[in-house]
């Protein structure tokens, strides 16, 4: 991309590019001039300095609370755990009763501290930096609490758990195998392999939505206008990392002869040569029936399923 292209870059495209980088999720709190608690959700948190201990977070100038945090002398940054997706969504909303719907206590300088956060950094305002349409808030850490647990993550516009970040990273690996478990009203779309068996549509890399390369390109070639919702399984086999995305697609306008729609009740007994894929299909049939999904992380023989965190 040329310098001229960068100067006129589409904002949506820029945001999509930034979304490829998995981040943590934080909630930043302070008191306004009237002493009322205020807060917002941010994933732009980073360390700045060890000596003195400085951290930063970015706040849009259009945010309703921008004036509060631009003037506050103290604030707190809370690193959220996987169990606090609802807290993230609450503070990302415009709800007026945020602090009535969560548990919190007063910290230093009476700054609200959200309970059960994975880590809490209590900060004195150190510096504010004008940065385009955002303000960078830099704070000196004067209090810190942290505990064991897994952080809530954010990537490609959705909440992701700790294992899902590993899956996203694996999907960018040069030797990865990326597959799609595409559901429709009648069941799941599988590809006939020519030997009387079935396989999940797959490619060596993910590609871009609507593009002609990678897994997205394979789905387009099959006539499936699919939306990939989240990672369903990630594991290692003899060929390298395997990542399986769960997605949806309507009935195609043309039925590719390689495609076969298998009903939910038939998935567990389907003749699939690859044992790992057979296990994935059996698990999907069970979780679809229970309407409770998770993400499998492990190898082709053994691993664990963790509950999935989805964006609201």
Protein backbone atom coordinates (compact mmCIF):
# COMPACT_ATOMS: atom_id res chain seq x y z
CA UNK A 1 0.00 0.00 0.00
CA UNK A 2 1.36 3.42 -0.99
CA UNK A 3 1.64 6.46 1.29
CA UNK A 4 -1.18 8.11 -0.65
CA UNK A 5 -3.41 5.08 -0.03
CA UNK A 6 -2.69 5.30 3.69
CA UNK A 7 -3.64 8.96 3.73
CA UNK A 8 -7.09 8.18 2.31
CA UNK A 9 -7.58 4.85 4.07
CA UNK A 10 -11.16 3.85 4.75
CA UNK A 11 -11.85 4.01 8.50
CA UNK A 12 -13.71 0.70 8.50
CA UNK A 13 -10.80 -1.03 6.79
CA UNK A 14 -8.40 0.47 9.31
CA UNK A 15 -10.54 -0.73 12.22
CA UNK A 16 -10.72 -4.23 10.71
CA UNK A 17 -6.95 -4.31 10.47
CA UNK A 18 -6.58 -3.27 14.09
CA UNK A 19 -9.13 -5.92 15.04
CA UNK A 20 -6.74 -8.67 13.94
CA UNK A 21 -4.66 -7.97 17.06
CA UNK A 22 -6.07 -9.74 20.16
CA UNK A 23 -6.24 -7.52 23.24
CA UNK A 24 -7.42 -7.68 26.80
CA UNK A 25 -10.50 -5.83 28.05
CA UNK A 26 -10.48 -3.20 30.81
CA UNK A 27 -12.93 -0.93 32.56
CA UNK A 28 -11.66 2.50 33.65
CA UNK A 29 -13.36 4.31 36.57
CA UNK A 30 -13.17 7.70 38.28
CA UNK A 31 -15.33 10.28 40.09
CA UNK A 32 -16.78 13.32 38.36
CA UNK A 33 -16.77 16.85 39.81
CA UNK A 34 -19.97 16.10 41.76
CA UNK A 35 -18.48 12.94 43.22
CA UNK A 36 -20.53 10.56 41.07
CA UNK A 37 -18.83 7.33 39.89
CA UNK A 38 -18.13 7.15 36.15
CA UNK A 39 -16.61 4.45 33.95
CA UNK A 40 -16.02 3.16 30.43
CA UNK A 41 -14.78 -0.01 28.70
CA UNK A 42 -11.46 0.10 26.85
CA UNK A 43 -9.16 -2.40 25.16
CA UNK A 44 -6.40 0.16 24.47
CA UNK A 45 -4.60 -0.42 27.79
CA UNK A 46 -0.81 -0.78 27.89
CA UNK A 47 2.19 -0.39 30.18
CA UNK A 48 4.31 2.74 29.64
CA UNK A 49 7.13 2.69 32.20
CA UNK A 50 8.47 0.52 35.02
CA UNK A 51 10.27 3.34 36.84
CA UNK A 52 8.13 5.21 37.59
CA UNK A 53 5.28 2.68 37.18
CA UNK A 54 3.13 4.17 34.42
CA UNK A 55 0.22 2.76 32.42
CA UNK A 56 -2.02 4.27 29.77
CA UNK A 57 -5.45 3.92 28.25
CA UNK A 58 -7.11 5.73 25.34
CA UNK A 59 -10.48 7.50 25.44
CA UNK A 60 -12.39 8.85 22.44
CA UNK A 61 -12.98 12.59 22.53
CA UNK A 62 -16.59 11.91 21.55
CA UNK A 63 -17.15 9.75 24.64
CA UNK A 64 -19.73 11.09 27.09
CA UNK A 65 -17.24 10.75 29.95
CA UNK A 66 -14.30 12.38 28.14
CA UNK A 67 -14.60 15.60 30.13
CA UNK A 68 -14.64 13.70 33.43
CA UNK A 69 -11.46 11.74 32.75
CA UNK A 70 -9.74 14.74 31.20
CA UNK A 71 -10.06 16.54 34.54
CA UNK A 72 -9.90 13.72 37.11
CA UNK A 73 -6.86 13.59 39.37
CA UNK A 74 -7.20 9.84 39.95
CA UNK A 75 -8.64 6.84 38.12
CA UNK A 76 -8.51 3.04 38.21
CA UNK A 77 -8.00 0.53 35.42
CA UNK A 78 -9.54 -2.93 35.88
CA UNK A 79 -8.35 -5.91 33.82
CA UNK A 80 -11.42 -8.11 33.38
CA UNK A 81 -11.57 -11.88 33.68
CA UNK A 82 -13.41 -14.25 31.35
CA UNK A 83 -16.28 -14.26 33.87
CA UNK A 84 -16.78 -10.48 33.54
CA UNK A 85 -18.08 -10.22 29.98
CA UNK A 86 -21.29 -8.72 31.38
CA UNK A 87 -19.26 -6.01 33.15
CA UNK A 88 -17.52 -5.12 29.90
CA UNK A 89 -20.82 -4.89 28.03
CA UNK A 90 -22.38 -2.84 30.85
CA UNK A 91 -19.64 -0.19 30.83
CA UNK A 92 -19.58 -0.12 27.03
CA UNK A 93 -23.28 0.81 27.08
CA UNK A 94 -24.96 4.14 27.74
CA UNK A 95 -26.80 2.80 30.79
CA UNK A 96 -27.19 5.42 33.51
CA UNK A 97 -27.17 2.86 36.34
CA UNK A 98 -23.87 1.10 35.63
CA UNK A 99 -22.66 1.24 39.22
CA UNK A 100 -26.02 0.04 40.54
CA UNK A 101 -25.65 -3.12 38.47
CA UNK A 102 -22.19 -4.21 39.61
CA UNK A 103 -20.33 -4.70 42.87
CA UNK A 104 -17.71 -2.12 43.75
CA UNK A 105 -15.94 -0.46 46.65
CA UNK A 106 -14.07 2.80 47.22
CA UNK A 107 -10.33 2.80 46.67
CA UNK A 108 -7.69 5.50 47.03
CA UNK A 109 -9.10 9.00 46.52
CA UNK A 110 -12.56 7.36 46.62
CA UNK A 111 -12.10 5.99 43.08
CA UNK A 112 -14.63 3.18 42.43
CA UNK A 113 -13.00 -0.28 42.33
CA UNK A 114 -14.92 -3.07 40.57
CA UNK A 115 -14.85 -6.25 42.60
CA UNK A 116 -13.52 -9.58 41.29
CA UNK A 117 -11.42 -7.98 38.54
CA UNK A 118 -8.38 -9.96 37.48
CA UNK A 119 -6.12 -6.95 38.18
CA UNK A 120 -6.78 -3.42 39.42
CA UNK A 121 -4.38 -0.52 38.89
CA UNK A 122 -5.14 2.55 41.03
CA UNK A 123 -3.57 5.57 39.37
CA UNK A 124 -2.78 9.21 39.94
CA UNK A 125 -3.20 11.24 36.75
CA UNK A 126 0.33 11.73 35.33
CA UNK A 127 -0.15 13.15 31.85
CA UNK A 128 -2.78 13.54 29.14
CA UNK A 129 -1.71 13.38 25.50
CA UNK A 130 -3.76 14.75 22.59
CA UNK A 131 -3.80 11.97 19.98
CA UNK A 132 -6.08 12.64 17.01
CA UNK A 133 -9.67 11.76 17.89
CA UNK A 134 -8.58 10.23 21.23
CA UNK A 135 -6.91 11.38 24.42
CA UNK A 136 -4.23 9.15 25.95
CA UNK A 137 -4.60 9.02 29.73
CA UNK A 138 -1.30 8.18 31.44
CA UNK A 139 -1.44 7.27 35.10
CA UNK A 140 1.15 6.61 37.78
CA UNK A 141 0.26 3.37 39.56
CA UNK A 142 -0.07 3.92 43.31
CA UNK A 143 -2.03 0.78 44.16
CA UNK A 144 -2.19 -2.68 42.60
CA UNK A 145 -4.14 -5.86 43.26
CA UNK A 146 -4.18 -8.96 41.06
CA UNK A 147 -5.29 -12.58 41.27
CA UNK A 148 -5.07 -15.86 39.41
CA UNK A 149 -7.45 -16.42 36.52
CA UNK A 150 -7.88 -16.10 32.78
CA UNK A 151 -8.34 -12.69 31.14
CA UNK A 152 -11.23 -11.70 28.93
CA UNK A 153 -9.99 -11.00 25.41
CA UNK A 154 -11.25 -9.12 22.38
CA UNK A 155 -10.46 -9.85 18.73
CA UNK A 156 -12.16 -9.24 15.37
CA UNK A 157 -15.10 -7.48 16.99
CA UNK A 158 -15.96 -10.22 19.49
CA UNK A 159 -15.10 -11.29 23.01
CA UNK A 160 -12.73 -14.22 23.11
CA UNK A 161 -11.50 -16.41 25.93
CA UNK A 162 -7.85 -17.11 26.66
CA UNK A 163 -7.81 -20.29 24.55
CA UNK A 164 -9.49 -18.51 21.65
CA UNK A 165 -6.60 -16.04 21.43
CA UNK A 166 -4.30 -19.02 20.91
CA UNK A 167 -6.68 -20.25 18.22
CA UNK A 168 -6.64 -16.89 16.42
CA UNK A 169 -2.85 -16.91 16.51
CA UNK A 170 -2.75 -20.49 15.24
CA UNK A 171 -5.01 -19.59 12.31
CA UNK A 172 -2.29 -17.25 11.07
CA UNK A 173 0.36 -19.95 11.19
CA UNK A 174 1.90 -20.96 7.89
CA UNK A 175 1.30 -24.68 8.48
CA UNK A 176 -2.20 -24.42 9.95
CA UNK A 177 -5.27 -26.23 8.64
CA UNK A 178 -8.37 -24.05 8.85
CA UNK A 179 -11.83 -25.62 8.59
CA UNK A 180 -15.44 -24.47 8.81
CA UNK A 181 -18.37 -26.18 10.47
CA UNK A 182 -21.18 -24.44 8.60
CA UNK A 183 -24.72 -24.93 9.87
CA UNK A 184 -27.96 -24.29 8.04
CA UNK A 185 -31.63 -24.94 8.78
CA UNK A 186 -31.33 -28.53 7.61
CA UNK A 187 -28.09 -29.50 9.32
CA UNK A 188 -24.38 -29.07 8.60
CA UNK A 189 -22.67 -28.63 5.24
CA UNK A 190 -19.94 -31.21 4.56
CA UNK A 191 -17.86 -31.95 1.49
CA UNK A 192 -17.80 -35.35 -0.18
CA UNK A 193 -14.20 -36.51 -0.48
CA UNK A 194 -14.69 -38.79 -3.48
CA UNK A 195 -14.06 -41.94 -1.45
CA UNK A 196 -17.51 -42.24 0.01
CA UNK A 197 -16.62 -40.17 3.06
CA UNK A 198 -17.10 -36.61 4.21
CA UNK A 199 -14.92 -33.78 5.44
CA UNK A 200 -15.30 -30.22 6.65
CA UNK A 201 -14.55 -27.49 4.07
CA UNK A 202 -10.98 -26.38 4.69
CA UNK A 203 -7.91 -24.47 3.49
CA UNK A 204 -4.37 -23.67 4.58
CA UNK A 205 -5.37 -20.24 5.89
CA UNK A 206 -8.43 -18.22 6.79
CA UNK A 207 -8.36 -15.46 4.17
CA UNK A 208 -10.61 -12.42 4.41
CA UNK A 209 -14.39 -12.28 4.57
CA UNK A 210 -15.82 -12.07 1.05
CA UNK A 211 -12.38 -12.73 -0.45
CA UNK A 212 -11.39 -15.34 -3.02
CA UNK A 213 -8.51 -16.90 -1.07
CA UNK A 214 -8.18 -19.16 1.95
CA UNK A 215 -11.15 -20.73 3.72
CA UNK A 216 -13.41 -17.84 2.77
CA UNK A 217 -12.55 -18.45 -0.89
CA UNK A 218 -13.27 -22.19 -0.60
CA UNK A 219 -16.69 -21.45 0.88
CA UNK A 220 -17.40 -18.97 -1.92
CA UNK A 221 -16.43 -21.60 -4.53
CA UNK A 222 -18.87 -24.02 -2.93
CA UNK A 223 -21.63 -21.43 -3.21
CA UNK A 224 -21.86 -20.92 0.54
CA UNK A 225 -22.33 -17.30 1.58
CA UNK A 226 -21.18 -18.11 5.09
CA UNK A 227 -20.65 -16.02 8.20
CA UNK A 228 -17.97 -17.39 10.54
CA UNK A 229 -19.11 -16.67 14.08
CA UNK A 230 -16.41 -18.02 16.41
CA UNK A 231 -13.72 -20.64 16.94
CA UNK A 232 -15.23 -24.03 17.77
CA UNK A 233 -12.08 -26.12 18.17
CA UNK A 234 -8.30 -25.79 17.99
CA UNK A 235 -5.87 -28.67 18.31
CA UNK A 236 -2.58 -30.07 17.07
CA UNK A 237 -2.31 -33.11 14.85
CA UNK A 238 0.57 -34.68 12.92
CA UNK A 239 0.27 -32.04 10.18
CA UNK A 240 0.27 -29.03 12.51
CA UNK A 241 -2.34 -26.80 14.20
CA UNK A 242 -5.99 -27.25 13.21
CA UNK A 243 -8.56 -24.52 13.76
CA UNK A 244 -12.28 -25.07 13.19
CA UNK A 245 -14.64 -22.12 12.95
CA UNK A 246 -18.36 -22.48 13.50
CA UNK A 247 -20.50 -20.50 11.09
CA UNK A 248 -23.84 -20.16 9.35
CA UNK A 249 -25.02 -20.09 5.74
CA UNK A 250 -28.41 -20.04 4.02
CA UNK A 251 -29.31 -22.61 1.40
CA UNK A 252 -27.13 -21.92 -1.66
CA UNK A 253 -28.70 -20.75 -4.90
CA UNK A 254 -26.84 -23.54 -6.66
CA UNK A 255 -26.01 -26.86 -5.01
CA UNK A 256 -22.40 -27.77 -5.65
CA UNK A 257 -22.15 -31.55 -6.30
CA UNK A 258 -19.41 -31.76 -3.67
CA UNK A 259 -21.72 -30.42 -0.95
CA UNK A 260 -23.90 -32.57 1.26
CA UNK A 261 -26.17 -31.37 4.05
CA UNK A 262 -26.11 -33.80 6.98
CA UNK A 263 -28.91 -33.62 9.53
CA UNK A 264 -28.03 -33.12 13.19
CA UNK A 265 -29.29 -36.57 14.19
CA UNK A 266 -26.96 -38.25 11.67
CA UNK A 267 -23.71 -36.44 12.52
CA UNK A 268 -22.50 -38.74 15.30
CA UNK A 269 -22.89 -41.84 13.09
CA UNK A 270 -21.48 -40.30 9.92
CA UNK A 271 -18.68 -42.13 8.13
CA UNK A 272 -15.70 -39.78 8.57
CA UNK A 273 -12.23 -41.24 8.13
CA UNK A 274 -10.50 -38.63 10.27
CA UNK A 275 -11.18 -39.47 13.91
CA UNK A 276 -10.56 -35.91 15.11
CA UNK A 277 -13.19 -34.58 12.68
CA UNK A 278 -15.61 -37.31 13.74
CA UNK A 279 -15.16 -36.22 17.36
CA UNK A 280 -15.75 -32.57 16.40
CA UNK A 281 -19.01 -33.45 14.63
CA UNK A 282 -20.23 -35.61 17.52
CA UNK A 283 -19.47 -32.82 19.98
CA UNK A 284 -21.23 -30.26 17.78
CA UNK A 285 -24.35 -32.45 17.61
CA UNK A 286 -24.39 -32.74 21.40
CA UNK A 287 -23.78 -29.03 22.06
CA UNK A 288 -26.26 -27.96 19.39
CA UNK A 289 -28.91 -30.10 21.06
CA UNK A 290 -28.07 -28.58 24.46
CA UNK A 291 -27.62 -25.09 22.93
CA UNK A 292 -24.47 -24.68 25.01
CA UNK A 293 -21.20 -24.23 23.15
CA UNK A 294 -17.56 -24.20 24.17
CA UNK A 295 -14.13 -24.22 22.57
CA UNK A 296 -11.96 -27.35 22.49
CA UNK A 297 -8.22 -26.85 22.96
CA UNK A 298 -5.77 -29.74 22.95
CA UNK A 299 -4.44 -32.28 20.47
CA UNK A 300 -6.14 -34.77 18.20
CA UNK A 301 -6.45 -37.28 21.06
CA UNK A 302 -7.19 -35.30 24.20
CA UNK A 303 -7.98 -31.80 25.40
CA UNK A 304 -10.54 -29.73 27.27
CA UNK A 305 -13.69 -27.81 26.36
CA UNK A 306 -14.06 -24.37 27.98
CA UNK A 307 -17.27 -22.31 27.95
CA UNK A 308 -17.42 -19.81 25.12
CA UNK A 309 -17.58 -16.07 25.73
CA UNK A 310 -19.57 -14.35 22.97
CA UNK A 311 -20.14 -10.69 22.33
CA UNK A 312 -23.56 -9.46 23.27
